[in-house]
Amino acid sequence: MKSGIELISEERTRQIEQEGWTPDHDDIHIRSELSHAAAYYALDPRKRIYFPDKYNNLWPWSKLF
């Protein structure tokens, strides 16, 4: 079984190689969007499913669309 740090490292490598989300790309997010997205992902998924009106507005990019 992989450790948490191994899983995080693999995901970050995937983001860079497949999505193009490099550190330079990350630097353009100057309004705490990445930390807000991390907090959203840390929520119990059931909250996002059963109470979307309450929690989906926490997604930092939902206001862009």
PDB file of N, CA and C in Angstrom:
ATOM      1  N   MET A   1       0.835  -1.173   0.000  1.00  0.00           N
ATOM      2  CA  MET A   1       0.000   0.000   0.000  1.00  0.00           C
ATOM      3  C   MET A   1       0.886   1.245   0.000  1.00  0.00           C
ATOM      4  N   LYS A   2       0.540   2.204  -0.840  1.00  0.00           N
ATOM      5  CA  LYS A   2       1.332   3.424  -0.941  1.00  0.00           C
ATOM      6  C   LYS A   2       0.999   4.364   0.207  1.00  0.00           C
ATOM      7  N   SER A   3       2.023   5.118   0.595  1.00  0.00           N
ATOM      8  CA  SER A   3       1.818   6.102   1.653  1.00  0.00           C
ATOM      9  C   SER A   3       1.113   7.328   1.079  1.00  0.00           C
ATOM     10  N   GLY A   4       0.614   8.162   1.961  1.00  0.00           N
ATOM     11  CA  GLY A   4      -0.045   9.390   1.535  1.00  0.00           C
ATOM     12  C   GLY A   4       0.881  10.272   0.724  1.00  0.00           C
ATOM     13  N   ILE A   5       2.126  10.393   1.140  1.00  0.00           N
ATOM     14  CA  ILE A   5       3.072  11.257   0.429  1.00  0.00           C
ATOM     15  C   ILE A   5       3.367  10.709  -0.968  1.00  0.00           C
ATOM     16  N   GLU A   6       3.400   9.385  -1.101  1.00  0.00           N
ATOM     17  CA  GLU A   6       3.603   8.785  -2.427  1.00  0.00           C
ATOM     18  C   GLU A   6       2.421   9.087  -3.347  1.00  0.00           C
ATOM     19  N   LEU A   7       1.223   8.983  -2.808  1.00  0.00           N
ATOM     20  CA  LEU A   7       0.032   9.280  -3.606  1.00  0.00           C
ATOM     21  C   LEU A   7      -0.005  10.749  -4.015  1.00  0.00           C
ATOM     22  N   ILE A   8       0.356  11.629  -3.094  1.00  0.00           N
ATOM     23  CA  ILE A   8       0.390  13.063  -3.397  1.00  0.00           C
ATOM     24  C   ILE A   8       1.428  13.354  -4.469  1.00  0.00           C
ATOM     25  N   SER A   9       2.595  12.758  -4.341  1.00  0.00           N
ATOM     26  CA  SER A   9       3.659  12.963  -5.318  1.00  0.00           C
ATOM     27  C   SER A   9       3.251  12.477  -6.707  1.00  0.00           C
ATOM     28  N   GLU A  10       2.624  11.319  -6.773  1.00  0.00           N
ATOM     29  CA  GLU A  10       2.163  10.794  -8.062  1.00  0.00           C
ATOM     30  C   GLU A  10       1.110  11.706  -8.691  1.00  0.00           C
ATOM     31  N   GLU A  11       0.205  12.216  -7.875  1.00  0.00           N
ATOM     32  CA  GLU A  11      -0.844  13.100  -8.394  1.00  0.00           C
ATOM     33  C   GLU A  11      -0.240  14.408  -8.902  1.00  0.00           C
ATOM     34  N   ARG A  12       0.715  14.937  -8.167  1.00  0.00           N
ATOM     35  CA  ARG A  12       1.350  16.188  -8.613  1.00  0.00           C
ATOM     36  C   ARG A  12       2.106  15.963  -9.926  1.00  0.00           C
ATOM     37  N   THR A  13       2.787  14.860 -10.054  1.00  0.00           N
ATOM     38  CA  THR A  13       3.478  14.530 -11.307  1.00  0.00           C
ATOM     39  C   THR A  13       2.478  14.422 -12.452  1.00  0.00           C
ATOM     40  N   ARG A  14       1.341  13.783 -12.213  1.00  0.00           N
ATOM     41  CA  ARG A  14       0.305  13.678 -13.236  1.00  0.00           C
ATOM     42  C   ARG A  14      -0.213  15.060 -13.635  1.00  0.00           C
ATOM     43  N   GLN A  15      -0.440  15.911 -12.649  1.00  0.00           N
ATOM     44  CA  GLN A  15      -0.932  17.256 -12.949  1.00  0.00           C
ATOM     45  C   GLN A  15       0.035  18.024 -13.843  1.00  0.00           C
ATOM     46  N   ILE A  16       1.302  17.902 -13.565  1.00  0.00           N
ATOM     47  CA  ILE A  16       2.310  18.613 -14.360  1.00  0.00           C
ATOM     48  C   ILE A  16       2.416  18.012 -15.752  1.00  0.00           C
ATOM     49  N   GLU A  17       2.527  16.696 -15.837  1.00  0.00           N
ATOM     50  CA  GLU A  17       2.764  16.038 -17.127  1.00  0.00           C
ATOM     51  C   GLU A  17       1.528  16.002 -18.019  1.00  0.00           C
ATOM     52  N   GLN A  18       0.345  15.776 -17.452  1.00  0.00           N
ATOM     53  CA  GLN A  18      -0.856  15.613 -18.270  1.00  0.00           C
ATOM     54  C   GLN A  18      -1.695  16.875 -18.365  1.00  0.00           C
ATOM     55  N   GLU A  19      -1.732  17.663 -17.326  1.00  0.00           N
ATOM     56  CA  GLU A  19      -2.596  18.841 -17.294  1.00  0.00           C
ATOM     57  C   GLU A  19      -1.833  20.132 -17.596  1.00  0.00           C
ATOM     58  N   GLY A  20      -0.519  20.094 -17.453  1.00  0.00           N
ATOM     59  CA  GLY A  20       0.269  21.303 -17.671  1.00  0.00           C
ATOM     60  C   GLY A  20       0.219  22.277 -16.511  1.00  0.00           C
ATOM     61  N   TRP A  21      -0.182  21.801 -15.332  1.00  0.00           N
ATOM     62  CA  TRP A  21      -0.288  22.667 -14.166  1.00  0.00           C
ATOM     63  C   TRP A  21       1.066  22.744 -13.462  1.00  0.00           C
ATOM     64  N   THR A  22       1.938  23.522 -14.045  1.00  0.00           N
ATOM     65  CA  THR A  22       3.297  23.688 -13.533  1.00  0.00           C
ATOM     66  C   THR A  22       3.305  24.686 -12.380  1.00  0.00           C
ATOM     67  N   PRO A  23       4.423  24.798 -11.672  1.00  0.00           N
ATOM     68  CA  PRO A  23       4.505  25.834 -10.635  1.00  0.00           C
ATOM     69  C   PRO A  23       4.251  27.239 -11.193  1.00  0.00           C
ATOM     70  N   ASP A  24       4.695  27.507 -12.413  1.00  0.00           N
ATOM     71  CA  ASP A  24       4.418  28.816 -13.022  1.00  0.00           C
ATOM     72  C   ASP A  24       2.918  29.015 -13.214  1.00  0.00           C
ATOM     73  N   HIS A  25       2.230  27.976 -13.626  1.00  0.00           N
ATOM     74  CA  HIS A  25       0.777  28.057 -13.762  1.00  0.00           C
ATOM     75  C   HIS A  25       0.130  28.294 -12.401  1.00  0.00           C
ATOM     76  N   ASP A  26       0.602  27.595 -11.393  1.00  0.00           N
ATOM     77  CA  ASP A  26       0.044  27.751 -10.046  1.00  0.00           C
ATOM     78  C   ASP A  26       0.199  29.184  -9.544  1.00  0.00           C
ATOM     79  N   ASP A  27       1.293  29.827  -9.934  1.00  0.00           N
ATOM     80  CA  ASP A  27       1.574  31.184  -9.458  1.00  0.00           C
ATOM     81  C   ASP A  27       0.569  32.219  -9.946  1.00  0.00           C
ATOM     82  N   ILE A  28      -0.200  31.912 -10.982  1.00  0.00           N
ATOM     83  CA  ILE A  28      -1.177  32.893 -11.458  1.00  0.00           C
ATOM     84  C   ILE A  28      -2.417  32.939 -10.562  1.00  0.00           C
ATOM     85  N   HIS A  29      -2.566  31.971  -9.704  1.00  0.00           N
ATOM     86  CA  HIS A  29      -3.703  31.928  -8.776  1.00  0.00           C
ATOM     87  C   HIS A  29      -3.324  32.694  -7.508  1.00  0.00           C
ATOM     88  N   ILE A  30      -3.669  33.971  -7.494  1.00  0.00           N
ATOM     89  CA  ILE A  30      -3.197  34.852  -6.419  1.00  0.00           C
ATOM     90  C   ILE A  30      -4.273  35.162  -5.381  1.00  0.00           C
ATOM     91  N   ARG A  31      -5.434  34.577  -5.514  1.00  0.00           N
ATOM     92  CA  ARG A  31      -6.526  34.850  -4.576  1.00  0.00           C
ATOM     93  C   ARG A  31      -6.887  33.606  -3.755  1.00  0.00           C
ATOM     94  N   SER A  32      -5.906  32.811  -3.430  1.00  0.00           N
ATOM     95  CA  SER A  32      -6.081  31.615  -2.581  1.00  0.00           C
ATOM     96  C   SER A  32      -6.950  30.548  -3.222  1.00  0.00           C
ATOM     97  N   GLU A  33      -7.063  30.559  -4.562  1.00  0.00           N
ATOM     98  CA  GLU A  33      -7.917  29.576  -5.226  1.00  0.00           C
ATOM     99  C   GLU A  33      -7.474  28.142  -4.957  1.00  0.00           C
ATOM    100  N   LEU A  34      -6.175  27.899  -4.967  1.00  0.00           N
ATOM    101  CA  LEU A  34      -5.701  26.531  -4.777  1.00  0.00           C
ATOM    102  C   LEU A  34      -5.983  26.020  -3.364  1.00  0.00           C
ATOM    103  N   SER A  35      -5.825  26.866  -2.369  1.00  0.00           N
ATOM    104  CA  SER A  35      -6.135  26.419  -1.005  1.00  0.00           C
ATOM    105  C   SER A  35      -7.637  26.244  -0.823  1.00  0.00           C
ATOM    106  N   HIS A  36      -8.444  27.069  -1.479  1.00  0.00           N
ATOM    107  CA  HIS A  36      -9.893  26.886  -1.403  1.00  0.00           C
ATOM    108  C   HIS A  36     -10.312  25.586  -2.083  1.00  0.00           C
ATOM    109  N   ALA A  37      -9.693  25.276  -3.206  1.00  0.00           N
ATOM    110  CA  ALA A  37      -9.995  24.012  -3.884  1.00  0.00           C
ATOM    111  C   ALA A  37      -9.596  22.827  -2.999  1.00  0.00           C
ATOM    112  N   ALA A  38      -8.448  22.938  -2.344  1.00  0.00           N
ATOM    113  CA  ALA A  38      -8.016  21.861  -1.444  1.00  0.00           C
ATOM    114  C   ALA A  38      -9.003  21.672  -0.299  1.00  0.00           C
ATOM    115  N   ALA A  39      -9.499  22.765   0.254  1.00  0.00           N
ATOM    116  CA  ALA A  39     -10.481  22.668   1.338  1.00  0.00           C
ATOM    117  C   ALA A  39     -11.769  22.026   0.839  1.00  0.00           C
ATOM    118  N   TYR A  40     -12.173  22.368  -0.374  1.00  0.00           N
ATOM    119  CA  TYR A  40     -13.376  21.774  -0.961  1.00  0.00           C
ATOM    120  C   TYR A  40     -13.195  20.261  -1.098  1.00  0.00           C
ATOM    121  N   TYR A  41     -12.036  19.842  -1.608  1.00  0.00           N
ATOM    122  CA  TYR A  41     -11.779  18.409  -1.743  1.00  0.00           C
ATOM    123  C   TYR A  41     -11.720  17.709  -0.389  1.00  0.00           C
ATOM    124  N   ALA A  42     -11.341  18.431   0.661  1.00  0.00           N
ATOM    125  CA  ALA A  42     -11.237  17.831   1.994  1.00  0.00           C
ATOM    126  C   ALA A  42     -12.598  17.615   2.645  1.00  0.00           C
ATOM    127  N   LEU A  43     -13.647  18.265   2.102  1.00  0.00           N
ATOM    128  CA  LEU A  43     -14.988  18.064   2.643  1.00  0.00           C
ATOM    129  C   LEU A  43     -15.439  16.619   2.451  1.00  0.00           C
ATOM    130  N   ASP A  44     -16.270  16.176   3.337  1.00  0.00           N
ATOM    131  CA  ASP A  44     -16.924  14.876   3.173  1.00  0.00           C
ATOM    132  C   ASP A  44     -17.699  14.926   1.851  1.00  0.00           C
ATOM    133  N   PRO A  45     -17.428  14.034   0.904  1.00  0.00           N
ATOM    134  CA  PRO A  45     -18.106  14.082  -0.394  1.00  0.00           C
ATOM    135  C   PRO A  45     -19.623  14.042  -0.284  1.00  0.00           C
ATOM    136  N   ARG A  46     -20.132  13.428   0.756  1.00  0.00           N
ATOM    137  CA  ARG A  46     -21.590  13.378   0.916  1.00  0.00           C
ATOM    138  C   ARG A  46     -22.184  14.766   1.098  1.00  0.00           C
ATOM    139  N   LYS A  47     -21.417  15.665   1.720  1.00  0.00           N
ATOM    140  CA  LYS A  47     -21.905  17.032   1.873  1.00  0.00           C
ATOM    141  C   LYS A  47     -22.058  17.706   0.518  1.00  0.00           C
ATOM    142  N   ARG A  48     -21.088  17.479  -0.361  1.00  0.00           N
ATOM    143  CA  ARG A  48     -21.168  18.081  -1.699  1.00  0.00           C
ATOM    144  C   ARG A  48     -22.312  17.486  -2.497  1.00  0.00           C
ATOM    145  N   ILE A  49     -22.605  16.211  -2.280  1.00  0.00           N
ATOM    146  CA  ILE A  49     -23.661  15.529  -3.029  1.00  0.00           C
ATOM    147  C   ILE A  49     -25.046  15.914  -2.502  1.00  0.00           C
ATOM    148  N   TYR A  50     -25.219  15.849  -1.186  1.00  0.00           N
ATOM    149  CA  TYR A  50     -26.550  16.032  -0.603  1.00  0.00           C
ATOM    150  C   TYR A  50     -26.907  17.489  -0.304  1.00  0.00           C
ATOM    151  N   PHE A  51     -25.894  18.352  -0.223  1.00  0.00           N
ATOM    152  CA  PHE A  51     -26.143  19.767   0.062  1.00  0.00           C
ATOM    153  C   PHE A  51     -25.402  20.666  -0.928  1.00  0.00           C
ATOM    154  N   PRO A  52     -25.620  20.471  -2.227  1.00  0.00           N
ATOM    155  CA  PRO A  52     -24.844  21.228  -3.212  1.00  0.00           C
ATOM    156  C   PRO A  52     -25.019  22.740  -3.101  1.00  0.00           C
ATOM    157  N   ASP A  53     -26.205  23.197  -2.751  1.00  0.00           N
ATOM    158  CA  ASP A  53     -26.416  24.638  -2.642  1.00  0.00           C
ATOM    159  C   ASP A  53     -25.559  25.260  -1.544  1.00  0.00           C
ATOM    160  N   LYS A  54     -25.270  24.488  -0.538  1.00  0.00           N
ATOM    161  CA  LYS A  54     -24.481  24.995   0.581  1.00  0.00           C
ATOM    162  C   LYS A  54     -22.979  24.914   0.315  1.00  0.00           C
ATOM    163  N   TYR A  55     -22.534  23.871  -0.373  1.00  0.00           N
ATOM    164  CA  TYR A  55     -21.097  23.627  -0.482  1.00  0.00           C
ATOM    165  C   TYR A  55     -20.495  23.886  -1.860  1.00  0.00           C
ATOM    166  N   ASN A  56     -21.255  23.750  -2.923  1.00  0.00           N
ATOM    167  CA  ASN A  56     -20.659  23.918  -4.250  1.00  0.00           C
ATOM    168  C   ASN A  56     -20.168  25.327  -4.505  1.00  0.00           C
ATOM    169  N   ASN A  57     -20.707  26.306  -3.783  1.00  0.00           N
ATOM    170  CA  ASN A  57     -20.212  27.668  -3.965  1.00  0.00           C
ATOM    171  C   ASN A  57     -18.822  27.857  -3.357  1.00  0.00           C
ATOM    172  N   LEU A  58     -18.344  26.869  -2.634  1.00  0.00           N
ATOM    173  CA  LEU A  58     -16.982  26.940  -2.091  1.00  0.00           C
ATOM    174  C   LEU A  58     -15.928  26.668  -3.158  1.00  0.00           C
ATOM    175  N   TRP A  59     -16.326  26.018  -4.254  1.00  0.00           N
ATOM    176  CA  TRP A  59     -15.383  25.734  -5.332  1.00  0.00           C
ATOM    177  C   TRP A  59     -14.941  27.068  -5.932  1.00  0.00           C
ATOM    178  N   PRO A  60     -13.646  27.370  -5.911  1.00  0.00           N
ATOM    179  CA  PRO A  60     -13.197  28.725  -6.263  1.00  0.00           C
ATOM    180  C   PRO A  60     -13.466  29.152  -7.697  1.00  0.00           C
ATOM    181  N   TRP A  61     -13.641  28.204  -8.596  1.00  0.00           N
ATOM    182  CA  TRP A  61     -13.832  28.577  -9.992  1.00  0.00           C
ATOM    183  C   TRP A  61     -15.289  28.550 -10.422  1.00  0.00           C
ATOM    184  N   SER A  62     -16.199  28.215  -9.511  1.00  0.00           N
ATOM    185  CA  SER A  62     -17.611  28.178  -9.874  1.00  0.00           C
ATOM    186  C   SER A  62     -18.140  29.573 -10.226  1.00  0.00           C
ATOM    187  N   LYS A  63     -17.508  30.600  -9.675  1.00  0.00           N
ATOM    188  CA  LYS A  63     -17.954  31.954  -9.932  1.00  0.00           C
ATOM    189  C   LYS A  63     -17.522  32.459 -11.317  1.00  0.00           C
ATOM    190  N   LEU A  64     -16.637  31.716 -11.963  1.00  0.00           N
ATOM    191  CA  LEU A  64     -16.131  32.134 -13.270  1.00  0.00           C
ATOM    192  C   LEU A  64     -17.068  31.786 -14.404  1.00  0.00           C
ATOM    193  N   PHE A  65     -18.006  30.859 -14.153  1.00  0.00           N
ATOM    194  CA  PHE A  65     -18.860  30.377 -15.239  1.00  0.00           C
ATOM    195  C   PHE A  65     -20.272  30.855 -15.098  1.00  0.00           C
TER     196      PHE A  65
END
